[in-house]
C-alpha atoms as a PDB file:
ATOM      1  CA  MET A   1     -74.153  15.320  -9.817  1.00  0.00           C
ATOM      2  CA  ALA A   2     -76.426  12.388  -8.999  1.00  0.00           C
ATOM      3  CA  LYS A   3     -79.015  11.531 -11.651  1.00  0.00           C
ATOM      4  CA  ASP A   4     -82.662  10.963 -10.799  1.00  0.00           C
ATOM      5  CA  ILE A   5     -83.629   7.333 -11.378  1.00  0.00           C
ATOM      6  CA  VAL A   6     -86.783   5.207 -11.136  1.00  0.00           C
ATOM      7  CA  ILE A   7     -87.444   1.478 -11.371  1.00  0.00           C
ATOM      8  CA  VAL A   8     -90.343   0.186 -13.463  1.00  0.00           C
ATOM      9  CA  GLY A   9     -92.041  -2.532 -11.408  1.00  0.00           C
ATOM     10  CA  SER A  10     -92.427  -2.975  -7.667  1.00  0.00           C
ATOM     11  CA  SER A  11     -91.806  -6.712  -7.213  1.00  0.00           C
ATOM     12  CA  GLU A  12     -89.159  -8.261  -4.981  1.00  0.00           C
ATOM     13  CA  PHE A  13     -86.826  -8.263  -7.980  1.00  0.00           C
ATOM     14  CA  ALA A  14     -87.392  -4.521  -8.343  1.00  0.00           C
ATOM     15  CA  LYS A  15     -86.317  -4.176  -4.711  1.00  0.00           C
ATOM     16  CA  GLU A  16     -83.144  -6.103  -5.537  1.00  0.00           C
ATOM     17  CA  ILE A  17     -82.486  -3.555  -8.276  1.00  0.00           C
ATOM     18  CA  GLU A  18     -82.918  -0.774  -5.714  1.00  0.00           C
ATOM     19  CA  TRP A  19     -80.280  -2.597  -3.650  1.00  0.00           C
ATOM     20  CA  ILE A  20     -77.862  -2.450  -6.615  1.00  0.00           C
ATOM     21  CA  ILE A  21     -78.427   1.302  -6.786  1.00  0.00           C
ATOM     22  CA  LYS A  22     -77.714   1.642  -3.053  1.00  0.00           C
ATOM     23  CA  ARG A  23     -74.554  -0.475  -3.337  1.00  0.00           C
ATOM     24  CA  SER A  24     -73.340   1.568  -6.302  1.00  0.00           C
ATOM     25  CA  ASN A  25     -73.991   4.813  -4.442  1.00  0.00           C
ATOM     26  CA  CYS A  26     -71.795   3.617  -1.572  1.00  0.00           C
ATOM     27  CA  ILE A  27     -68.835   3.740  -3.957  1.00  0.00           C
ATOM     28  CA  SER A  28     -69.798   6.878  -5.858  1.00  0.00           C
ATOM     29  CA  ARG A  29     -73.110   8.648  -5.550  1.00  0.00           C
ATOM     30  CA  ARG A  30     -74.406   8.370  -9.106  1.00  0.00           C
ATOM     31  CA  TYR A  31     -78.169   8.126  -8.602  1.00  0.00           C
ATOM     32  CA  ASN A  32     -80.967   9.756  -6.655  1.00  0.00           C
ATOM     33  CA  PHE A  33     -83.622   7.044  -6.348  1.00  0.00           C
ATOM     34  CA  LEU A  34     -87.104   8.576  -6.639  1.00  0.00           C
ATOM     35  CA  GLY A  35     -89.243   5.436  -6.361  1.00  0.00           C
ATOM     36  CA  PHE A  36     -91.026   2.731  -8.332  1.00  0.00           C
ATOM     37  CA  ILE A  37     -93.318   2.944 -11.358  1.00  0.00           C
ATOM     38  CA  ASP A  38     -96.329   0.618 -11.205  1.00  0.00           C
ATOM     39  CA  ASN A  39     -99.930   0.734 -12.388  1.00  0.00           C
ATOM     40  CA  ASP A  40    -100.978  -0.032  -8.808  1.00  0.00           C
ATOM     41  CA  ILE A  41    -100.198   3.351  -7.287  1.00  0.00           C
ATOM     42  CA  SER A  42    -101.398   2.237  -3.822  1.00  0.00           C
ATOM     43  CA  ILE A  43     -98.131   0.307  -3.278  1.00  0.00           C
ATOM     44  CA  THR A  44     -95.571   1.936  -0.969  1.00  0.00           C
ATOM     45  CA  ASN A  45     -92.928   4.027  -2.786  1.00  0.00           C
ATOM     46  CA  VAL A  46     -94.795   3.905  -6.110  1.00  0.00           C
ATOM     47  CA  ILE A  47     -94.644   7.434  -7.503  1.00  0.00           C
ATOM     48  CA  GLY A  48     -96.631   6.968 -10.703  1.00  0.00           C
ATOM     49  CA  ASN A  49     -97.892   4.609 -13.387  1.00  0.00           C
ATOM     50  CA  ASP A  50     -96.722   3.833 -16.923  1.00  0.00           C
ATOM     51  CA  ASP A  51     -98.595   6.803 -18.355  1.00  0.00           C
ATOM     52  CA  PHE A  52     -96.872   9.136 -15.890  1.00  0.00           C
ATOM     53  CA  LEU A  53     -93.506   7.963 -17.175  1.00  0.00           C
ATOM     54  CA  TYR A  54     -94.487   8.113 -20.841  1.00  0.00           C
ATOM     55  CA  HIS A  55     -95.320  11.820 -20.478  1.00  0.00           C
ATOM     56  CA  TYR A  56     -92.443  12.764 -18.130  1.00  0.00           C
ATOM     57  CA  ASP A  57     -90.873  15.999 -19.413  1.00  0.00           C
ATOM     58  CA  GLN A  58     -87.506  16.125 -17.642  1.00  0.00           C
ATOM     59  CA  GLU A  59     -84.375  14.022 -17.992  1.00  0.00           C
ATOM     60  CA  LEU A  60     -84.785  10.831 -15.992  1.00  0.00           C
ATOM     61  CA  SER A  61     -82.928   7.523 -15.766  1.00  0.00           C
ATOM     62  CA  VAL A  62     -85.189   4.476 -15.991  1.00  0.00           C
ATOM     63  CA  VAL A  63     -84.526   0.831 -15.130  1.00  0.00           C
ATOM     64  CA  ILE A  64     -87.121  -1.667 -16.372  1.00  0.00           C
ATOM     65  CA  GLY A  65     -87.196  -4.189 -13.530  1.00  0.00           C
ATOM     66  CA  ILE A  66     -89.539  -6.714 -15.156  1.00  0.00           C
ATOM     67  CA  ALA A  67     -88.213 -10.262 -15.521  1.00  0.00           C
ATOM     68  CA  ASP A  68     -90.740 -11.302 -18.184  1.00  0.00           C
ATOM     69  CA  THR A  69     -88.986 -10.765 -21.524  1.00  0.00           C
ATOM     70  CA  HIS A  70     -92.153  -9.937 -23.496  1.00  0.00           C
ATOM     71  CA  ILE A  71     -93.440  -7.366 -21.018  1.00  0.00           C
ATOM     72  CA  ARG A  72     -89.984  -5.800 -20.818  1.00  0.00           C
ATOM     73  CA  ARG A  73     -89.854  -5.486 -24.603  1.00  0.00           C
ATOM     74  CA  LYS A  74     -93.319  -3.887 -24.724  1.00  0.00           C
ATOM     75  CA  LEU A  75     -92.489  -1.352 -22.022  1.00  0.00           C
ATOM     76  CA  ALA A  76     -89.150  -0.468 -23.612  1.00  0.00           C
ATOM     77  CA  SER A  77     -90.847   0.201 -26.949  1.00  0.00           C
ATOM     78  CA  ILE A  78     -93.259   2.590 -25.208  1.00  0.00           C
ATOM     79  CA  PHE A  79     -90.789   4.419 -22.981  1.00  0.00           C
ATOM     80  CA  CYS A  80     -88.123   4.812 -25.681  1.00  0.00           C
ATOM     81  CA  GLN A  81     -90.543   7.137 -27.464  1.00  0.00           C
ATOM     82  CA  ASN A  82     -89.980   9.692 -24.682  1.00  0.00           C
ATOM     83  CA  SER A  83     -86.740  11.519 -25.548  1.00  0.00           C
ATOM     84  CA  HIS A  84     -86.339  12.679 -21.928  1.00  0.00           C
ATOM     85  CA  LEU A  85     -85.806   9.149 -20.630  1.00  0.00           C
ATOM     86  CA  ARG A  86     -82.404   7.492 -20.344  1.00  0.00           C
ATOM     87  CA  PHE A  87     -81.762   3.769 -19.830  1.00  0.00           C
ATOM     88  CA  PRO A  88     -78.440   3.256 -18.023  1.00  0.00           C
ATOM     89  CA  ASN A  89     -76.674  -0.070 -17.636  1.00  0.00           C
ATOM     90  CA  LEU A  90     -76.988  -0.948 -13.953  1.00  0.00           C
ATOM     91  CA  ILE A  91     -74.125  -3.195 -12.816  1.00  0.00           C
ATOM     92  CA  ASP A  92     -73.598  -4.332  -9.239  1.00  0.00           C
ATOM     93  CA  PRO A  93     -70.166  -3.311  -7.873  1.00  0.00           C
ATOM     94  CA  SER A  94     -69.234  -6.966  -7.269  1.00  0.00           C
ATOM     95  CA  VAL A  95     -69.562  -7.940 -10.945  1.00  0.00           C
ATOM     96  CA  ILE A  96     -66.289  -8.841 -12.683  1.00  0.00           C
ATOM     97  CA  TYR A  97     -66.119  -7.645 -16.273  1.00  0.00           C
ATOM     98  CA  PRO A  98     -63.588  -6.103 -18.676  1.00  0.00           C
ATOM     99  CA  GLU A  99     -63.459  -2.381 -19.340  1.00  0.00           C
ATOM    100  CA  ASP A 100     -63.990  -2.890 -23.074  1.00  0.00           C
ATOM    101  CA  ILE A 101     -67.200  -4.923 -22.787  1.00  0.00           C
ATOM    102  CA  GLN A 102     -69.752  -4.115 -25.498  1.00  0.00           C
ATOM    103  CA  LEU A 103     -73.020  -3.076 -23.865  1.00  0.00           C
ATOM    104  CA  GLY A 104     -76.193  -1.597 -25.283  1.00  0.00           C
ATOM    105  CA  GLN A 105     -78.558   0.199 -22.916  1.00  0.00           C
ATOM    106  CA  GLY A 106     -80.877  -0.742 -20.080  1.00  0.00           C
ATOM    107  CA  ASN A 107     -79.031  -3.873 -18.953  1.00  0.00           C
ATOM    108  CA  ILE A 108     -79.128  -5.120 -15.355  1.00  0.00           C
ATOM    109  CA  ILE A 109     -76.223  -7.272 -14.125  1.00  0.00           C
ATOM    110  CA  CYS A 110     -76.634  -8.548 -10.566  1.00  0.00           C
ATOM    111  CA  ALA A 111     -74.205  -9.360  -7.778  1.00  0.00           C
ATOM    112  CA  GLY A 112     -71.647 -12.137  -8.118  1.00  0.00           C
ATOM    113  CA  SER A 113     -71.746 -12.431 -11.903  1.00  0.00           C
ATOM    114  CA  VAL A 114     -68.624 -12.785 -14.043  1.00  0.00           C
ATOM    115  CA  ILE A 115     -68.451 -11.529 -17.617  1.00  0.00           C
ATOM    116  CA  THR A 116     -65.227 -12.434 -19.420  1.00  0.00           C
ATOM    117  CA  VAL A 117     -63.632 -11.224 -22.673  1.00  0.00           C
ATOM    118  CA  ASP A 118     -64.764 -10.295 -26.184  1.00  0.00           C
ATOM    119  CA  ILE A 119     -68.426 -10.418 -25.204  1.00  0.00           C
ATOM    120  CA  SER A 120     -71.274  -8.519 -26.841  1.00  0.00           C
ATOM    121  CA  ILE A 121     -74.391  -7.758 -24.821  1.00  0.00           C
ATOM    122  CA  GLY A 122     -77.310  -5.949 -26.455  1.00  0.00           C
ATOM    123  CA  SER A 123     -80.008  -3.970 -24.644  1.00  0.00           C
ATOM    124  CA  PHE A 124     -82.549  -4.518 -21.854  1.00  0.00           C
ATOM    125  CA  ASN A 125     -81.089  -7.822 -20.685  1.00  0.00           C
ATOM    126  CA  ILE A 126     -81.159  -9.156 -17.135  1.00  0.00           C
ATOM    127  CA  ILE A 127     -78.193 -11.182 -15.886  1.00  0.00           C
ATOM    128  CA  ASN A 128     -79.233 -12.292 -12.429  1.00  0.00           C
ATOM    129  CA  LEU A 129     -77.200 -13.343  -9.391  1.00  0.00           C
ATOM    130  CA  ASN A 130     -74.031 -15.446  -9.810  1.00  0.00           C
ATOM    131  CA  CYS A 131     -74.162 -15.978 -13.569  1.00  0.00           C
ATOM    132  CA  THR A 132     -71.116 -16.496 -15.781  1.00  0.00           C
ATOM    133  CA  VAL A 133     -70.750 -15.510 -19.422  1.00  0.00           C
ATOM    134  CA  GLY A 134     -67.769 -16.953 -21.291  1.00  0.00           C
ATOM    135  CA  HIS A 135     -65.500 -15.523 -23.962  1.00  0.00           C
ATOM    136  CA  GLN A 136     -66.927 -14.344 -27.287  1.00  0.00           C
ATOM    137  CA  ALA A 137     -70.505 -14.988 -26.229  1.00  0.00           C
ATOM    138  CA  CYS A 138     -73.149 -12.858 -27.915  1.00  0.00           C
ATOM    139  CA  LEU A 139     -76.331 -11.927 -26.060  1.00  0.00           C
ATOM    140  CA  HIS A 140     -78.884 -10.095 -28.176  1.00  0.00           C
ATOM    141  CA  ASP A 141     -81.767  -8.073 -26.605  1.00  0.00           C
ATOM    142  CA  PHE A 142     -84.443  -8.675 -23.929  1.00  0.00           C
ATOM    143  CA  ILE A 143     -82.772 -11.817 -22.556  1.00  0.00           C
ATOM    144  CA  THR A 144     -83.229 -13.051 -18.987  1.00  0.00           C
ATOM    145  CA  LEU A 145     -80.575 -15.186 -17.310  1.00  0.00           C
ATOM    146  CA  ASN A 146     -81.979 -16.375 -14.003  1.00  0.00           C
ATOM    147  CA  PRO A 147     -79.640 -16.966 -11.024  1.00  0.00           C
ATOM    148  CA  GLY A 148     -76.703 -19.322 -11.437  1.00  0.00           C
ATOM    149  CA  VAL A 149     -76.772 -19.678 -15.228  1.00  0.00           C
ATOM    150  CA  ASN A 150     -73.460 -20.635 -16.883  1.00  0.00           C
ATOM    151  CA  VAL A 151     -73.053 -19.473 -20.482  1.00  0.00           C
ATOM    152  CA  SER A 152     -69.932 -20.964 -22.093  1.00  0.00           C
ATOM    153  CA  GLY A 153     -67.764 -19.339 -24.748  1.00  0.00           C
ATOM    154  CA  ASP A 154     -68.988 -18.662 -28.297  1.00  0.00           C
ATOM    155  CA  VAL A 155     -72.633 -19.078 -27.279  1.00  0.00           C
ATOM    156  CA  VAL A 156     -75.280 -17.019 -29.081  1.00  0.00           C
ATOM    157  CA  LEU A 157     -78.526 -16.117 -27.296  1.00  0.00           C
ATOM    158  CA  GLU A 158     -81.023 -14.518 -29.646  1.00  0.00           C
ATOM    159  CA  ASP A 159     -83.719 -11.964 -28.726  1.00  0.00           C
ATOM    160  CA  GLY A 160     -86.134 -12.733 -25.902  1.00  0.00           C
ATOM    161  CA  VAL A 161     -84.494 -15.908 -24.585  1.00  0.00           C
ATOM    162  CA  ASN A 162     -85.287 -16.859 -20.970  1.00  0.00           C
ATOM    163  CA  ILE A 163     -82.792 -19.216 -19.306  1.00  0.00           C
ATOM    164  CA  GLY A 164     -83.928 -20.982 -16.123  1.00  0.00           C
ATOM    165  CA  THR A 165     -82.067 -20.997 -12.831  1.00  0.00           C
ATOM    166  CA  GLY A 166     -78.900 -23.106 -12.730  1.00  0.00           C
ATOM    167  CA  SER A 167     -78.882 -23.987 -16.432  1.00  0.00           C
ATOM    168  CA  GLN A 168     -75.659 -24.599 -18.345  1.00  0.00           C
ATOM    169  CA  ILE A 169     -75.081 -23.821 -22.011  1.00  0.00           C
ATOM    170  CA  LEU A 170     -72.122 -25.621 -23.535  1.00  0.00           C
ATOM    171  CA  GLN A 171     -69.536 -24.118 -25.846  1.00  0.00           C
ATOM    172  CA  GLY A 172     -70.623 -22.777 -29.215  1.00  0.00           C
ATOM    173  CA  ARG A 173     -74.368 -23.394 -28.933  1.00  0.00           C
ATOM    174  CA  THR A 174     -77.124 -21.105 -30.216  1.00  0.00           C
ATOM    175  CA  ILE A 175     -80.519 -20.638 -28.590  1.00  0.00           C
ATOM    176  CA  GLY A 176     -83.166 -19.208 -30.906  1.00  0.00           C
ATOM    177  CA  ALA A 177     -85.346 -16.171 -30.296  1.00  0.00           C
ATOM    178  CA  ASN A 178     -88.127 -16.248 -27.670  1.00  0.00           C
ATOM    179  CA  THR A 179     -87.167 -19.695 -26.406  1.00  0.00           C
ATOM    180  CA  ILE A 180     -87.511 -20.770 -22.774  1.00  0.00           C
ATOM    181  CA  ILE A 181     -84.963 -23.074 -21.152  1.00  0.00           C
ATOM    182  CA  GLY A 182     -86.128 -24.854 -18.005  1.00  0.00           C
ATOM    183  CA  ALA A 183     -84.293 -24.648 -14.680  1.00  0.00           C
ATOM    184  CA  GLY A 184     -81.254 -26.875 -14.371  1.00  0.00           C
ATOM    185  CA  ALA A 185     -81.131 -27.769 -18.066  1.00  0.00           C
ATOM    186  CA  VAL A 186     -77.893 -28.558 -19.875  1.00  0.00           C
ATOM    187  CA  ILE A 187     -77.794 -27.312 -23.471  1.00  0.00           C
ATOM    188  CA  THR A 188     -75.631 -29.620 -25.587  1.00  0.00           C
ATOM    189  CA  CYS A 189     -77.016 -28.721 -29.051  1.00  0.00           C
ATOM    190  CA  ASP A 190     -78.584 -25.742 -30.789  1.00  0.00           C
ATOM    191  CA  ILE A 191     -82.179 -24.969 -29.753  1.00  0.00           C
ATOM    192  CA  PRO A 192     -84.620 -23.440 -32.281  1.00  0.00           C
ATOM    193  CA  ASN A 193     -86.791 -20.333 -31.987  1.00  0.00           C
ATOM    194  CA  ASP A 194     -90.080 -20.110 -30.099  1.00  0.00           C
ATOM    195  CA  CYS A 195     -89.946 -23.296 -28.050  1.00  0.00           C
ATOM    196  CA  THR A 196     -89.449 -24.698 -24.556  1.00  0.00           C
ATOM    197  CA  ALA A 197     -86.560 -27.047 -23.777  1.00  0.00           C
ATOM    198  CA  VAL A 198     -85.855 -28.898 -20.508  1.00  0.00           C
ATOM    199  CA  GLY A 199     -83.693 -31.661 -19.094  1.00  0.00           C
ATOM    200  CA  ILE A 200     -80.162 -33.072 -19.140  1.00  0.00           C
ATOM    201  CA  PRO A 201     -79.347 -32.970 -21.959  1.00  0.00           C
ATOM    202  CA  ALA A 202     -82.048 -30.460 -22.846  1.00  0.00           C
ATOM    203  CA  LYS A 203     -84.712 -31.491 -25.334  1.00  0.00           C
ATOM    204  CA  VAL A 204     -87.469 -29.446 -26.930  1.00  0.00           C
ATOM    205  CA  ILE A 205     -90.862 -30.374 -25.458  1.00  0.00           C
ATOM    206  CA  LYS A 206     -93.165 -27.663 -26.855  1.00  0.00           C
ATOM    207  CA  ASP A 207     -93.276 -24.862 -29.341  1.00  0.00           C
ATOM    208  CA  ARG A 208     -94.483 -21.493 -28.085  1.00  0.00           C
ATOM    209  CA  ARG A 209     -97.979 -22.096 -29.453  1.00  0.00           C
ATOM    210  CA  GLY A 210     -98.346 -24.832 -26.833  1.00  0.00           C
ATOM    211  CA  ASN A 211     -98.092 -27.767 -29.228  1.00  0.00           C
ATOM    212  CA  ASP A 212     -96.254 -30.888 -28.167  1.00  0.00           C
ATOM    213  CA  TYR A 213     -93.014 -31.310 -30.067  1.00  0.00           C
ATOM    214  CA  PHE A 214     -92.464 -34.588 -31.870  1.00  0.00           C
ATOM    215  CA  GLY A 215     -89.525 -33.535 -34.060  1.00  0.00           C
END
């Protein structure tokens, strides 16, 4: 029996998530898409706001379609308090991944991505279009990989990391919690928590308090 499902957010990315649901249903009808959740209820196909979802009293699958890692974390902490809500892993049918992959809940993995072996992926992560994740990589929670990111083997991405489009992370590197990596960067060394790093090779340019980095 198909499960009722909603998407939190109504952006173009949320529409891409709806497309994943439609593609998955073409193979096996798993979901009955009800609509989007957004605080602007005037938007087409928005069926309610955050408060509506917080108080929902029937079993419902929820996908948090918000790319911003901090907003996604905040919403997850609110909605997880409602025991009626479920947070499935939504994986496009074209994704290549092993059957024994370790997945938490609420992950979104978009079309064209390849996930290899002995990988651990936490909860509420977004792996966007055409990303690769190499062997023994460990992705914690609330991470965003934008399109075309290449994560090599043995890489560790800590909570809240946001990796820009087309970036490459070389073998065995660690990126600290809440760090932003600019588009097209190449990570050749470990990057600390709470900073922004850009360039080839990537260098830290700011901490998350907005201070210039002179380390």
